[in-house]
Amino acid sequence: MIATGQRRRVDVHDDRGSVTVWAISATVACVLIIGLVIDGGTMLRARSGAFALASSAARAGAQELDSASAVQGLTVLDPVAAERAALDYLAAHGATGTVAITDETITVTVTSATSLQLLRLAGAETASFTATSTVNIVKVELP
């Protein structure tokens, strides 16, 4: 029994509760690492998809050659048809972007966003990517 006025001795080396702090810290770290793996894969897939979409749209636009020039053996883009073909391709795949055309090149830029799953807990809702692809028009000479 402790008499009033006497102090209770506190052991400075008491380890009670230290495992709880360590376990909570390790659990939070594991959840964040799992979030990075899952959402990192989601971001890589979205980025790769954006580049594939930009490349495909640029190729679709590059197929639109000027008919009058093609008859003469020249490879010249029809700028209106090429832009329309690229934008139609993007629209058909639920994306938007910009198209820039010169005499022999078509450049398509796509911006895409993906929503994150576990990193949302850390405050990151979405990740966005911009992908650009340029296609050069080349005339192939047959031997």
C-alpha atoms as a PDB file:
ATOM      1  CA  MET A   1       0.000   0.000   0.000  1.00  0.00           C
ATOM      2  CA  ILE A   2       1.255   3.433  -0.896  1.00  0.00           C
ATOM      3  CA  ALA A   3       0.908   6.044   1.735  1.00  0.00           C
ATOM      4  CA  THR A   4      -0.222   9.471   0.756  1.00  0.00           C
ATOM      5  CA  GLY A   5       2.651  11.782   0.148  1.00  0.00           C
ATOM      6  CA  GLN A   6       4.855   8.982  -1.161  1.00  0.00           C
ATOM      7  CA  ARG A   7       5.679   8.811  -4.833  1.00  0.00           C
ATOM      8  CA  ARG A   8       5.342   5.730  -6.899  1.00  0.00           C
ATOM      9  CA  ARG A   9       8.529   4.736  -8.632  1.00  0.00           C
ATOM     10  CA  VAL A  10       8.234   4.768 -12.451  1.00  0.00           C
ATOM     11  CA  ASP A  11      10.500   2.432 -14.385  1.00  0.00           C
ATOM     12  CA  VAL A  12      12.057   4.414 -17.228  1.00  0.00           C
ATOM     13  CA  HIS A  13      12.850   1.240 -19.155  1.00  0.00           C
ATOM     14  CA  ASP A  14       9.234   0.071 -19.338  1.00  0.00           C
ATOM     15  CA  ASP A  15       8.560  -1.321 -22.858  1.00  0.00           C
ATOM     16  CA  ARG A  16       4.801  -1.697 -22.600  1.00  0.00           C
ATOM     17  CA  GLY A  17       3.059  -0.363 -25.753  1.00  0.00           C
ATOM     18  CA  SER A  18       6.173  -0.224 -27.934  1.00  0.00           C
ATOM     19  CA  VAL A  19       5.056  -3.221 -29.991  1.00  0.00           C
ATOM     20  CA  THR A  20       1.735  -1.506 -30.695  1.00  0.00           C
ATOM     21  CA  VAL A  21       3.458   1.581 -32.085  1.00  0.00           C
ATOM     22  CA  TRP A  22       5.768  -0.582 -34.202  1.00  0.00           C
ATOM     23  CA  ALA A  23       2.866  -2.719 -35.506  1.00  0.00           C
ATOM     24  CA  ILE A  24       0.799   0.335 -36.483  1.00  0.00           C
ATOM     25  CA  SER A  25       3.781   1.900 -38.254  1.00  0.00           C
ATOM     26  CA  ALA A  26       4.566  -1.323 -40.118  1.00  0.00           C
ATOM     27  CA  THR A  27       0.915  -1.742 -41.154  1.00  0.00           C
ATOM     28  CA  VAL A  28       0.688   1.807 -42.506  1.00  0.00           C
ATOM     29  CA  ALA A  29       3.964   1.342 -44.391  1.00  0.00           C
ATOM     30  CA  CYS A  30       2.733  -1.952 -45.906  1.00  0.00           C
ATOM     31  CA  VAL A  31      -0.556  -0.404 -47.028  1.00  0.00           C
ATOM     32  CA  LEU A  32       1.326   2.468 -48.691  1.00  0.00           C
ATOM     33  CA  ILE A  33       3.705   0.060 -50.444  1.00  0.00           C
ATOM     34  CA  ILE A  34       0.791  -2.063 -51.663  1.00  0.00           C
ATOM     35  CA  GLY A  35      -0.893   1.150 -52.845  1.00  0.00           C
ATOM     36  CA  LEU A  36       2.218   2.137 -54.778  1.00  0.00           C
ATOM     37  CA  VAL A  37       2.370  -1.262 -56.447  1.00  0.00           C
ATOM     38  CA  ILE A  38      -1.318  -1.396 -57.397  1.00  0.00           C
ATOM     39  CA  ASP A  39      -1.689   2.248 -58.389  1.00  0.00           C
ATOM     40  CA  GLY A  40       1.755   2.282 -59.997  1.00  0.00           C
ATOM     41  CA  GLY A  41       0.590  -0.511 -62.285  1.00  0.00           C
ATOM     42  CA  THR A  42      -2.596   1.418 -63.014  1.00  0.00           C
ATOM     43  CA  MET A  43      -0.574   4.518 -63.912  1.00  0.00           C
ATOM     44  CA  LEU A  44       1.814   2.580 -66.158  1.00  0.00           C
ATOM     45  CA  ARG A  45      -1.103   0.942 -67.966  1.00  0.00           C
ATOM     46  CA  ALA A  46      -2.838   4.315 -68.471  1.00  0.00           C
ATOM     47  CA  ARG A  47       0.378   5.945 -69.705  1.00  0.00           C
ATOM     48  CA  SER A  48       1.036   3.109 -72.139  1.00  0.00           C
ATOM     49  CA  GLY A  49      -2.571   3.282 -73.335  1.00  0.00           C
ATOM     50  CA  ALA A  50      -2.261   7.026 -73.957  1.00  0.00           C
ATOM     51  CA  PHE A  51       0.856   6.521 -76.080  1.00  0.00           C
ATOM     52  CA  ALA A  52      -0.776   3.686 -78.017  1.00  0.00           C
ATOM     53  CA  LEU A  53      -3.845   5.821 -78.647  1.00  0.00           C
ATOM     54  CA  ALA A  54      -1.780   8.798 -79.842  1.00  0.00           C
ATOM     55  CA  SER A  55       0.266   6.568 -82.146  1.00  0.00           C
ATOM     56  CA  SER A  56      -2.771   4.857 -83.616  1.00  0.00           C
ATOM     57  CA  ALA A  57      -4.554   8.158 -84.204  1.00  0.00           C
ATOM     58  CA  ALA A  58      -1.459   9.576 -85.921  1.00  0.00           C
ATOM     59  CA  ARG A  59      -1.247   6.501 -88.171  1.00  0.00           C
ATOM     60  CA  ALA A  60      -4.955   6.793 -88.996  1.00  0.00           C
ATOM     61  CA  GLY A  61      -4.432  10.413 -90.013  1.00  0.00           C
ATOM     62  CA  ALA A  62      -1.290   9.602 -91.985  1.00  0.00           C
ATOM     63  CA  GLN A  63      -3.289   7.385 -94.313  1.00  0.00           C
ATOM     64  CA  GLU A  64      -5.185  10.386 -95.659  1.00  0.00           C
ATOM     65  CA  LEU A  65      -3.107  11.455 -98.648  1.00  0.00           C
ATOM     66  CA  ASP A  66      -3.964  14.197-101.098  1.00  0.00           C
ATOM     67  CA  SER A  67      -5.490  12.433-104.140  1.00  0.00           C
ATOM     68  CA  ALA A  68      -4.181  14.884-106.755  1.00  0.00           C
ATOM     69  CA  SER A  69      -0.620  14.617-105.434  1.00  0.00           C
ATOM     70  CA  ALA A  70      -0.824  10.829-105.153  1.00  0.00           C
ATOM     71  CA  VAL A  71      -1.713  10.577-108.864  1.00  0.00           C
ATOM     72  CA  GLN A  72       1.495  12.465-109.624  1.00  0.00           C
ATOM     73  CA  GLY A  73       3.492  10.086-107.405  1.00  0.00           C
ATOM     74  CA  LEU A  74       3.917  12.521-104.509  1.00  0.00           C
ATOM     75  CA  THR A  75       3.220  11.795-100.851  1.00  0.00           C
ATOM     76  CA  VAL A  76       1.409  14.844 -99.502  1.00  0.00           C
ATOM     77  CA  LEU A  77      -1.081  14.763 -96.675  1.00  0.00           C
ATOM     78  CA  ASP A  78      -4.596  16.070 -97.141  1.00  0.00           C
ATOM     79  CA  PRO A  79      -4.532  18.212 -93.966  1.00  0.00           C
ATOM     80  CA  VAL A  80      -8.308  18.436 -93.499  1.00  0.00           C
ATOM     81  CA  ALA A  81      -8.927  14.710 -94.022  1.00  0.00           C
ATOM     82  CA  ALA A  82      -5.891  13.737 -91.925  1.00  0.00           C
ATOM     83  CA  GLU A  83      -6.986  15.882 -88.986  1.00  0.00           C
ATOM     84  CA  ARG A  84     -10.548  14.591 -89.248  1.00  0.00           C
ATOM     85  CA  ALA A  85      -9.366  10.956 -89.379  1.00  0.00           C
ATOM     86  CA  ALA A  86      -7.125  11.381 -86.321  1.00  0.00           C
ATOM     87  CA  LEU A  87      -9.797  13.175 -84.283  1.00  0.00           C
ATOM     88  CA  ASP A  88     -12.426  10.627 -85.334  1.00  0.00           C
ATOM     89  CA  TYR A  89     -10.134   7.826 -84.177  1.00  0.00           C
ATOM     90  CA  LEU A  90      -9.691   9.518 -80.800  1.00  0.00           C
ATOM     91  CA  ALA A  91     -13.435  10.123 -80.464  1.00  0.00           C
ATOM     92  CA  ALA A  92     -14.199   6.498 -81.312  1.00  0.00           C
ATOM     93  CA  HIS A  93     -11.990   5.468 -78.396  1.00  0.00           C
ATOM     94  CA  GLY A  94     -13.431   8.009 -75.954  1.00  0.00           C
ATOM     95  CA  ALA A  95     -10.446  10.336 -75.933  1.00  0.00           C
ATOM     96  CA  THR A  96      -9.702  13.899 -76.929  1.00  0.00           C
ATOM     97  CA  GLY A  97      -6.537  15.441 -78.208  1.00  0.00           C
ATOM     98  CA  THR A  98      -4.915  17.844 -80.595  1.00  0.00           C
ATOM     99  CA  VAL A  99      -3.595  17.289 -84.101  1.00  0.00           C
ATOM    100  CA  ALA A 100      -0.813  19.271 -85.796  1.00  0.00           C
ATOM    101  CA  ILE A 101      -0.066  18.692 -89.477  1.00  0.00           C
ATOM    102  CA  THR A 102       2.756  19.828 -91.719  1.00  0.00           C
ATOM    103  CA  ASP A 103       3.499  18.739 -95.289  1.00  0.00           C
ATOM    104  CA  GLU A 104       5.046  15.408 -94.305  1.00  0.00           C
ATOM    105  CA  THR A 105       4.228  14.884 -90.610  1.00  0.00           C
ATOM    106  CA  ILE A 106       1.221  14.494 -88.392  1.00  0.00           C
ATOM    107  CA  THR A 107       1.536  14.922 -84.628  1.00  0.00           C
ATOM    108  CA  VAL A 108      -1.190  13.811 -82.229  1.00  0.00           C
ATOM    109  CA  THR A 109      -1.192  14.743 -78.546  1.00  0.00           C
ATOM    110  CA  VAL A 110      -3.505  12.934 -76.133  1.00  0.00           C
ATOM    111  CA  THR A 111      -4.127  13.739 -72.477  1.00  0.00           C
ATOM    112  CA  SER A 112      -5.542  10.950 -70.377  1.00  0.00           C
ATOM    113  CA  ALA A 113      -6.333  10.594 -66.690  1.00  0.00           C
ATOM    114  CA  THR A 114      -6.793   7.588 -64.472  1.00  0.00           C
ATOM    115  CA  SER A 115      -8.294   7.376 -61.002  1.00  0.00           C
ATOM    116  CA  LEU A 116      -6.189   5.871 -58.261  1.00  0.00           C
ATOM    117  CA  GLN A 117      -7.440   3.255 -55.825  1.00  0.00           C
ATOM    118  CA  LEU A 118      -5.334   2.928 -52.699  1.00  0.00           C
ATOM    119  CA  LEU A 119      -3.261   6.103 -52.953  1.00  0.00           C
ATOM    120  CA  ARG A 120      -6.546   7.983 -52.688  1.00  0.00           C
ATOM    121  CA  LEU A 121      -6.150   7.404 -48.948  1.00  0.00           C
ATOM    122  CA  ALA A 122      -2.945   9.452 -49.078  1.00  0.00           C
ATOM    123  CA  GLY A 123      -4.684  12.296 -50.935  1.00  0.00           C
ATOM    124  CA  ALA A 124      -3.933  11.422 -54.572  1.00  0.00           C
ATOM    125  CA  GLU A 125      -7.259  11.127 -56.449  1.00  0.00           C
ATOM    126  CA  THR A 126      -6.102  10.937 -60.083  1.00  0.00           C
ATOM    127  CA  ALA A 127      -2.990  10.869 -62.231  1.00  0.00           C
ATOM    128  CA  SER A 128      -2.911  12.451 -65.685  1.00  0.00           C
ATOM    129  CA  PHE A 129      -0.593  11.832 -68.606  1.00  0.00           C
ATOM    130  CA  THR A 130       0.172  13.556 -71.890  1.00  0.00           C
ATOM    131  CA  ALA A 131       1.327  11.413 -74.790  1.00  0.00           C
ATOM    132  CA  THR A 132       2.549  12.682 -78.149  1.00  0.00           C
ATOM    133  CA  SER A 133       3.196  10.708 -81.302  1.00  0.00           C
ATOM    134  CA  THR A 134       4.550  11.952 -84.611  1.00  0.00           C
ATOM    135  CA  VAL A 135       4.278  10.054 -87.872  1.00  0.00           C
ATOM    136  CA  ASN A 136       6.385  10.972 -90.906  1.00  0.00           C
ATOM    137  CA  ILE A 137       4.969  10.314 -94.349  1.00  0.00           C
ATOM    138  CA  VAL A 138       7.471   8.369 -96.418  1.00  0.00           C
ATOM    139  CA  LYS A 139       7.246   7.282-100.031  1.00  0.00           C
ATOM    140  CA  VAL A 140       8.602   3.809-100.562  1.00  0.00           C
ATOM    141  CA  GLU A 141      10.337   3.252-103.875  1.00  0.00           C
ATOM    142  CA  LEU A 142       9.922  -0.212-105.314  1.00  0.00           C
ATOM    143  CA  PRO A 143      13.071  -1.808-106.763  1.00  0.00           C
END
